[in-house]
Amino acid sequence: MYCAAEVLQLSLVNPLVQLPFGLAPALVAVVVRRWVTKEGFADAGLALRFRKNRRYFLMAWLGPLLFAVTGVAAAAAAGSRTTMTPWVTTPILMAMVIPLIPIYWGEEFGWTGYLRPRLFPDRPLLSVGATALIWAVWHYPLAFFGYVEFGNPLLGLLVWTVSILFQEVILAWLYQSTGSIWTASLAHAGNNMVLFLLVGQVLPDSTSMSITLVATIPLALAACWIVATGRLRAIQGKPLREADISGGFDAPSPDRPPAAGRVPRH
């Protein structure tokens, strides 16, 4: 990151420059799965599973736009100055999300798909919180190399961490609900390319801090709804193989035995 920003004078805002950093968590997960634990990729969520989970893919794609509208509306109600012109670029931003998914897949495959299910698997909130903290710390150097600029770095990093926590709740829910890492990757791409970008453009007087705060409002509402309604579930036992999954990574429990022909392999 230092080499890219300071030595090569490349902007970290450039998606191509971000690609190596985005793929690094996935690379580590691949190495661990293949050569360290040798557990393989049966539970990696690599299958698209689009037909069964179309509504989740739609939520992952349109959700960031809805969050942007909600956040901007809240900011406008609080007296912030807004401009309507940037909304014209919305179709372009929405279209750009799709080809940029691989950048965000790298992080989701590493953080949400591999690390989170193995951190406190029987305590979903703690699992999400620990993963979000690691994810946030991974991003902290960006605040010192021009990607994001906070007037008060410590306060800015704190707010950023909270924002990432709420995002991870949503991403973990999408992953659990579909059994596909691609829904989380799509939502992650949308949050960066649509939610945060539109908020910054529509609020012309905004700073990195205010953009993060405004974008976090709808993320917090969605995350709290997921938690309050019990949609963030504990992972009981070892992760299931793809063949054992029907609609998501729902492990059998004493109250819900496995369906015939789908006995989990331990």
Protein backbone atom coordinates (compact mmCIF):
# COMPACT_ATOMS: atom_id res chain seq x y z
CA MET A 1 0.00 0.00 0.00
CA TYR A 2 2.85 2.37 0.89
CA CYS A 3 4.64 1.41 -2.32
CA ALA A 4 1.54 2.10 -4.43
CA ALA A 5 0.72 5.43 -2.82
CA GLU A 6 4.12 6.93 -2.06
CA VAL A 7 6.64 5.25 -4.36
CA LEU A 8 4.57 4.70 -7.50
CA GLN A 9 2.34 7.74 -6.83
CA LEU A 10 -0.81 5.77 -7.62
CA SER A 11 -4.19 6.77 -6.24
CA LEU A 12 -5.74 4.22 -3.90
CA VAL A 13 -9.13 5.34 -5.21
CA ASN A 14 -8.28 3.56 -8.48
CA PRO A 15 -10.02 0.13 -8.46
CA LEU A 16 -7.06 -1.47 -10.25
CA VAL A 17 -4.75 -0.29 -7.48
CA GLN A 18 -7.19 -1.64 -4.90
CA LEU A 19 -7.31 -5.07 -6.53
CA PRO A 20 -4.21 -6.61 -4.85
CA PHE A 21 -5.38 -5.43 -1.42
CA GLY A 22 -8.91 -6.64 -2.06
CA LEU A 23 -7.76 -10.09 -3.15
CA ALA A 24 -5.25 -10.59 -0.33
CA PRO A 25 -7.80 -11.97 2.21
CA ALA A 26 -9.06 -14.43 -0.41
CA LEU A 27 -5.52 -15.53 -1.21
CA VAL A 28 -4.84 -16.25 2.46
CA ALA A 29 -8.13 -18.15 2.77
CA VAL A 30 -7.27 -20.24 -0.30
CA VAL A 31 -3.83 -21.10 1.07
CA VAL A 32 -5.25 -22.07 4.46
CA ARG A 33 -8.08 -24.13 2.97
CA ARG A 34 -5.86 -25.92 0.46
CA TRP A 35 -2.56 -26.46 2.22
CA VAL A 36 -2.86 -25.69 5.95
CA THR A 37 -6.14 -27.19 7.16
CA LYS A 38 -6.75 -29.10 3.90
CA GLU A 39 -10.50 -28.67 4.47
CA GLY A 40 -11.11 -27.85 0.84
CA PHE A 41 -13.78 -25.57 -0.60
CA ALA A 42 -17.03 -27.50 -0.18
CA ASP A 43 -18.38 -24.89 2.27
CA ALA A 44 -16.81 -21.86 0.56
CA GLY A 45 -20.06 -20.56 -0.95
CA LEU A 46 -18.56 -20.29 -4.43
CA ALA A 47 -21.72 -21.44 -6.18
CA LEU A 48 -23.79 -18.54 -7.50
CA ARG A 49 -27.14 -20.09 -6.47
CA PHE A 50 -28.88 -17.25 -8.29
CA ARG A 51 -32.15 -18.95 -9.25
CA LYS A 52 -33.05 -19.86 -5.67
CA ASN A 53 -31.85 -16.57 -4.22
CA ARG A 54 -32.89 -13.98 -6.79
CA ARG A 55 -34.58 -11.77 -4.20
CA TYR A 56 -31.41 -11.67 -2.10
CA PHE A 57 -29.31 -10.74 -5.11
CA LEU A 58 -31.83 -8.01 -5.89
CA MET A 59 -31.62 -6.72 -2.31
CA ALA A 60 -27.83 -6.81 -2.44
CA TRP A 61 -27.84 -4.77 -5.68
CA LEU A 62 -30.62 -2.27 -4.91
CA GLY A 63 -30.07 -2.03 -1.16
CA PRO A 64 -27.12 0.40 -1.32
CA LEU A 65 -29.18 2.76 -3.51
CA LEU A 66 -32.04 2.63 -1.01
CA PHE A 67 -29.55 3.28 1.78
CA ALA A 68 -28.18 6.29 -0.10
CA VAL A 69 -31.67 7.76 -0.55
CA THR A 70 -32.46 7.17 3.13
CA GLY A 71 -29.21 8.66 4.37
CA VAL A 72 -29.45 11.74 2.14
CA ALA A 73 -33.08 12.26 3.16
CA ALA A 74 -32.07 12.16 6.82
CA ALA A 75 -29.23 14.62 6.19
CA ALA A 76 -31.54 16.96 4.26
CA ALA A 77 -34.09 16.82 7.07
CA ALA A 78 -31.32 17.82 9.46
CA GLY A 79 -30.54 20.88 7.34
CA SER A 80 -27.69 19.70 5.10
CA ARG A 81 -27.46 21.26 1.65
CA THR A 82 -28.10 18.81 -1.18
CA THR A 83 -27.82 18.86 -4.96
CA MET A 84 -29.88 16.70 -7.29
CA THR A 85 -27.45 16.58 -10.24
CA PRO A 86 -25.39 13.55 -9.06
CA TRP A 87 -28.50 11.36 -9.04
CA VAL A 88 -28.28 11.40 -12.85
CA THR A 89 -25.19 9.18 -12.60
CA THR A 90 -27.05 6.54 -10.60
CA PRO A 91 -27.62 4.12 -13.53
CA ILE A 92 -23.91 4.30 -14.38
CA LEU A 93 -22.88 3.60 -10.79
CA MET A 94 -25.34 0.73 -10.54
CA ALA A 95 -23.94 -0.77 -13.73
CA MET A 96 -20.34 -0.33 -12.56
CA VAL A 97 -21.03 -2.40 -9.46
CA ILE A 98 -21.25 -5.63 -11.46
CA PRO A 99 -17.78 -5.69 -13.10
CA LEU A 100 -16.17 -4.51 -9.85
CA ILE A 101 -17.53 -7.44 -7.83
CA PRO A 102 -14.21 -9.39 -8.04
CA ILE A 103 -12.44 -6.67 -6.05
CA TYR A 104 -14.89 -7.04 -3.20
CA TRP A 105 -15.22 -10.81 -3.58
CA GLY A 106 -11.65 -11.08 -2.34
CA GLU A 107 -12.51 -9.54 0.99
CA GLU A 108 -15.83 -11.34 1.36
CA PHE A 109 -14.29 -14.73 0.57
CA GLY A 110 -11.67 -14.09 3.23
CA TRP A 111 -13.59 -12.22 5.93
CA THR A 112 -17.26 -13.17 5.69
CA GLY A 113 -16.91 -16.57 4.03
CA TYR A 114 -13.95 -18.01 5.92
CA LEU A 115 -12.95 -16.01 8.98
CA ARG A 116 -16.34 -15.13 10.45
CA PRO A 117 -17.83 -18.66 10.57
CA ARG A 118 -14.73 -19.79 12.48
CA LEU A 119 -14.64 -16.99 15.05
CA PHE A 120 -17.02 -17.74 17.94
CA PRO A 121 -19.36 -19.78 15.70
CA ASP A 122 -21.91 -20.25 18.48
CA ARG A 123 -22.08 -16.51 19.26
CA PRO A 124 -23.15 -14.68 16.09
CA LEU A 125 -22.88 -11.12 17.40
CA LEU A 126 -19.41 -11.70 18.80
CA SER A 127 -18.40 -13.45 15.59
CA VAL A 128 -19.56 -10.52 13.47
CA GLY A 129 -18.00 -8.00 15.85
CA ALA A 130 -14.60 -9.70 15.82
CA THR A 131 -14.63 -10.05 12.04
CA ALA A 132 -15.66 -6.41 11.59
CA LEU A 133 -12.84 -5.25 13.86
CA ILE A 134 -10.25 -7.21 11.87
CA TRP A 135 -11.76 -5.93 8.63
CA ALA A 136 -11.64 -2.35 9.96
CA VAL A 137 -8.02 -2.58 11.09
CA TRP A 138 -7.15 -3.94 7.64
CA HIS A 139 -8.53 -0.69 6.20
CA TYR A 140 -6.98 1.73 8.70
CA PRO A 141 -3.87 2.46 6.58
CA LEU A 142 -6.16 3.85 3.87
CA ALA A 143 -6.88 6.80 6.17
CA PHE A 144 -3.22 7.81 5.95
CA PHE A 145 -2.61 7.36 2.21
CA GLY A 146 -5.28 9.57 0.64
CA TYR A 147 -8.14 7.10 0.20
CA VAL A 148 -10.16 8.74 2.97
CA GLU A 149 -9.22 11.81 5.00
CA PHE A 150 -10.49 12.44 8.52
CA GLY A 151 -9.87 15.77 10.24
CA ASN A 152 -9.64 13.87 13.52
CA PRO A 153 -8.09 10.51 12.57
CA LEU A 154 -8.88 8.74 15.84
CA LEU A 155 -12.53 9.78 15.82
CA GLY A 156 -12.77 9.08 12.12
CA LEU A 157 -11.39 5.56 12.49
CA LEU A 158 -13.82 4.92 15.34
CA VAL A 159 -16.81 5.97 13.23
CA TRP A 160 -15.47 3.98 10.29
CA THR A 161 -15.17 0.89 12.49
CA VAL A 162 -18.78 1.24 13.64
CA SER A 163 -19.88 1.61 10.03
CA ILE A 164 -17.98 -1.54 9.06
CA LEU A 165 -19.61 -3.39 11.96
CA PHE A 166 -23.09 -2.62 10.66
CA GLN A 167 -22.02 -3.56 7.14
CA GLU A 168 -20.68 -6.90 8.34
CA VAL A 169 -24.01 -7.73 9.99
CA ILE A 170 -25.75 -7.22 6.65
CA LEU A 171 -23.12 -9.10 4.65
CA ALA A 172 -23.10 -12.03 7.08
CA TRP A 173 -26.91 -12.22 6.87
CA LEU A 174 -26.82 -12.27 3.07
CA TYR A 175 -24.20 -15.00 3.10
CA GLN A 176 -26.04 -17.11 5.66
CA SER A 177 -29.36 -16.68 3.87
CA THR A 178 -28.10 -17.74 0.45
CA GLY A 179 -25.06 -19.94 0.97
CA SER A 180 -23.38 -17.86 -1.73
CA ILE A 181 -20.49 -15.49 -1.16
CA TRP A 182 -21.57 -13.59 -4.27
CA THR A 183 -24.52 -11.88 -2.57
CA ALA A 184 -22.21 -10.41 0.07
CA SER A 185 -19.69 -9.42 -2.60
CA LEU A 186 -22.40 -7.65 -4.62
CA ALA A 187 -23.63 -5.74 -1.55
CA HIS A 188 -20.07 -4.79 -0.57
CA ALA A 189 -19.42 -3.43 -4.06
CA GLY A 190 -22.69 -1.50 -3.96
CA ASN A 191 -21.93 0.04 -0.58
CA ASN A 192 -18.65 1.42 -1.88
CA MET A 193 -19.66 2.36 -5.42
CA VAL A 194 -23.23 3.54 -4.82
CA LEU A 195 -23.96 4.29 -1.17
CA PHE A 196 -20.83 6.14 -0.09
CA LEU A 197 -20.13 7.66 -3.50
CA LEU A 198 -23.65 9.05 -3.98
CA VAL A 199 -23.82 10.41 -0.44
CA GLY A 200 -20.57 12.28 -1.01
CA GLN A 201 -21.75 13.69 -4.34
CA VAL A 202 -25.28 14.67 -3.31
CA LEU A 203 -24.05 16.43 -0.15
CA PRO A 204 -21.60 18.98 -1.63
CA ASP A 205 -20.48 20.30 1.76
CA SER A 206 -19.71 16.84 3.11
CA THR A 207 -16.44 15.61 4.56
CA SER A 208 -15.17 12.06 4.94
CA MET A 209 -16.55 12.07 8.48
CA SER A 210 -20.01 13.34 7.53
CA ILE A 211 -20.23 10.97 4.55
CA THR A 212 -19.44 8.03 6.82
CA LEU A 213 -21.97 9.18 9.42
CA VAL A 214 -24.76 9.73 6.88
CA ALA A 215 -24.13 6.39 5.17
CA THR A 216 -24.02 4.61 8.51
CA ILE A 217 -27.55 5.68 9.47
CA PRO A 218 -29.38 3.34 7.05
CA LEU A 219 -26.77 0.63 7.55
CA ALA A 220 -27.43 0.76 11.28
CA LEU A 221 -31.19 0.56 10.79
CA ALA A 222 -30.88 -2.49 8.54
CA ALA A 223 -28.36 -4.21 10.81
CA CYS A 224 -30.46 -3.62 13.92
CA TRP A 225 -33.51 -5.06 12.13
CA ILE A 226 -31.53 -8.18 11.20
CA VAL A 227 -30.36 -8.69 14.78
CA ALA A 228 -33.67 -7.79 16.44
CA THR A 229 -35.62 -10.24 14.28
CA GLY A 230 -33.21 -13.10 14.94
CA ARG A 231 -31.98 -13.37 11.38
CA LEU A 232 -28.33 -13.49 12.39
CA ARG A 233 -27.95 -17.10 13.42
CA ALA A 234 -25.32 -19.09 15.26
CA ILE A 235 -23.34 -21.60 13.25
CA GLN A 236 -23.93 -24.96 14.89
CA GLY A 237 -21.19 -27.49 14.35
CA LYS A 238 -18.85 -27.47 11.37
CA PRO A 239 -19.74 -25.59 8.19
CA LEU A 240 -21.84 -27.66 5.80
CA ARG A 241 -20.83 -28.81 2.37
CA GLU A 242 -22.50 -27.32 -0.69
CA ALA A 243 -24.46 -30.54 -1.21
CA ASP A 244 -25.94 -30.25 2.28
CA ILE A 245 -27.17 -26.68 1.84
CA SER A 246 -30.68 -25.68 0.84
CA GLY A 247 -31.10 -21.91 0.64
CA GLY A 248 -28.25 -21.11 2.99
CA PHE A 249 -25.91 -22.41 5.66
CA ASP A 250 -28.58 -23.58 8.10
CA ALA A 251 -27.11 -26.32 10.23
CA PRO A 252 -29.52 -28.83 11.77
CA SER A 253 -30.38 -28.42 15.44
CA PRO A 254 -32.17 -30.57 18.05
CA ASP A 255 -35.40 -28.74 17.17
CA ARG A 256 -34.85 -29.05 13.42
CA PRO A 257 -33.30 -32.39 12.37
CA PRO A 258 -31.63 -32.71 8.97
CA ALA A 259 -33.83 -33.51 6.03
CA ALA A 260 -33.57 -36.97 4.56
CA GLY A 261 -30.67 -37.27 2.15
CA ARG A 262 -28.99 -34.10 3.48
CA VAL A 263 -27.14 -35.37 6.53
CA PRO A 264 -24.22 -33.07 7.35
CA ARG A 265 -20.78 -34.60 6.93
CA HIS A 266 -18.49 -34.10 9.90
